[in-house]
């Protein structure tokens, strides 16, 4: 989808490579290289300035992971049910 949008804005949709002008090539390069690079940098800056993990958040994350590993959470029980259903369906399909 991204490539199709890129091609549409660059005017590549009904032309051949020989018909492309320098403006079309520059637009194509901008969408194919510079736009993703800009979004990567924006994402990095958002992560660097707005995502903070302090001691409390770390402890909360570790406790949640340990609860999931020991099967003490609803998500772990739900996952076991899904795994059992998937295994039973595979066994019945093999017969």
Protein backbone atom coordinates (compact mmCIF):
# COMPACT_ATOMS: atom_id res chain seq x y z
CA UNK A 1 0.00 0.00 0.00
CA UNK A 2 2.80 2.39 0.84
CA UNK A 3 4.55 1.62 -2.43
CA UNK A 4 1.31 2.15 -4.37
CA UNK A 5 0.75 5.52 -2.69
CA UNK A 6 4.35 6.45 -3.36
CA UNK A 7 3.99 5.54 -7.03
CA UNK A 8 0.73 7.48 -7.31
CA UNK A 9 2.23 10.68 -5.90
CA UNK A 10 5.36 10.29 -8.03
CA UNK A 11 3.33 9.87 -11.21
CA UNK A 12 4.54 6.34 -11.92
CA UNK A 13 1.10 4.79 -12.24
CA UNK A 14 0.75 5.11 -16.07
CA UNK A 15 4.29 5.78 -17.23
CA UNK A 16 7.38 3.74 -17.91
CA UNK A 17 10.79 4.31 -16.38
CA UNK A 18 11.85 6.25 -19.49
CA UNK A 19 8.92 8.67 -19.08
CA UNK A 20 9.80 9.66 -15.51
CA UNK A 21 11.03 13.22 -15.04
CA UNK A 22 13.51 14.35 -12.43
CA UNK A 23 10.61 15.70 -10.36
CA UNK A 24 8.94 12.27 -10.41
CA UNK A 25 12.18 10.59 -9.34
CA UNK A 26 12.71 13.11 -6.54
CA UNK A 27 9.14 12.61 -5.29
CA UNK A 28 9.57 8.84 -5.41
CA UNK A 29 12.84 9.02 -3.46
CA UNK A 30 11.25 11.35 -0.93
CA UNK A 31 8.41 8.97 -0.20
CA UNK A 32 10.58 5.85 -0.33
CA UNK A 33 13.49 7.06 1.81
CA UNK A 34 13.06 10.41 3.49
CA UNK A 35 9.49 10.00 4.80
CA UNK A 36 10.20 6.69 6.58
CA UNK A 37 13.41 8.14 7.99
CA UNK A 38 11.47 11.13 9.33
CA UNK A 39 8.89 8.83 10.98
CA UNK A 40 11.67 6.73 12.55
CA UNK A 41 13.26 9.86 14.01
CA UNK A 42 9.89 11.15 15.27
CA UNK A 43 9.19 7.76 16.87
CA UNK A 44 12.60 7.76 18.53
CA UNK A 45 12.06 11.25 19.92
CA UNK A 46 8.62 10.34 21.28
CA UNK A 47 10.08 7.24 22.93
CA UNK A 48 13.07 9.15 24.34
CA UNK A 49 11.08 12.01 25.84
CA UNK A 50 7.74 10.45 26.81
CA UNK A 51 8.41 6.82 27.76
CA UNK A 52 9.82 6.71 31.26
CA UNK A 53 10.12 3.51 33.26
CA UNK A 54 10.80 4.16 36.93
CA UNK A 55 11.21 1.66 39.77
CA UNK A 56 7.46 1.39 40.40
CA UNK A 57 6.65 0.77 36.73
CA UNK A 58 9.45 -1.81 36.49
CA UNK A 59 8.19 -3.65 39.56
CA UNK A 60 4.64 -3.64 38.20
CA UNK A 61 5.80 -5.05 34.84
CA UNK A 62 7.91 -7.76 36.48
CA UNK A 63 5.03 -8.77 38.78
CA UNK A 64 2.66 -9.04 35.83
CA UNK A 65 5.12 -11.17 33.84
CA UNK A 66 5.71 -13.46 36.81
CA UNK A 67 1.96 -13.84 37.34
CA UNK A 68 1.56 -14.79 33.66
CA UNK A 69 4.41 -17.30 33.86
CA UNK A 70 2.96 -19.02 36.91
CA UNK A 71 -0.55 -19.15 35.43
CA UNK A 72 -2.09 -16.90 38.07
CA UNK A 73 -3.73 -14.49 35.66
CA UNK A 74 -6.89 -14.69 33.59
CA UNK A 75 -4.84 -14.22 30.42
CA UNK A 76 -2.76 -17.31 31.18
CA UNK A 77 -5.89 -19.41 31.78
CA UNK A 78 -7.42 -18.10 28.58
CA UNK A 79 -4.23 -18.97 26.68
CA UNK A 80 -4.35 -22.54 28.02
CA UNK A 81 -7.94 -22.90 26.78
CA UNK A 82 -6.94 -21.68 23.33
CA UNK A 83 -3.99 -24.09 23.19
CA UNK A 84 -6.18 -27.04 24.25
CA UNK A 85 -8.81 -26.16 21.63
CA UNK A 86 -6.15 -25.84 18.93
CA UNK A 87 -4.63 -29.21 19.83
CA UNK A 88 -8.02 -30.92 19.92
CA UNK A 89 -8.96 -29.48 16.52
CA UNK A 90 -5.68 -30.70 15.03
CA UNK A 91 -6.20 -34.18 16.44
CA UNK A 92 -9.76 -34.41 15.15
CA UNK A 93 -8.68 -33.16 11.70
CA UNK A 94 -5.96 -35.82 11.51
CA UNK A 95 -8.46 -38.64 12.01
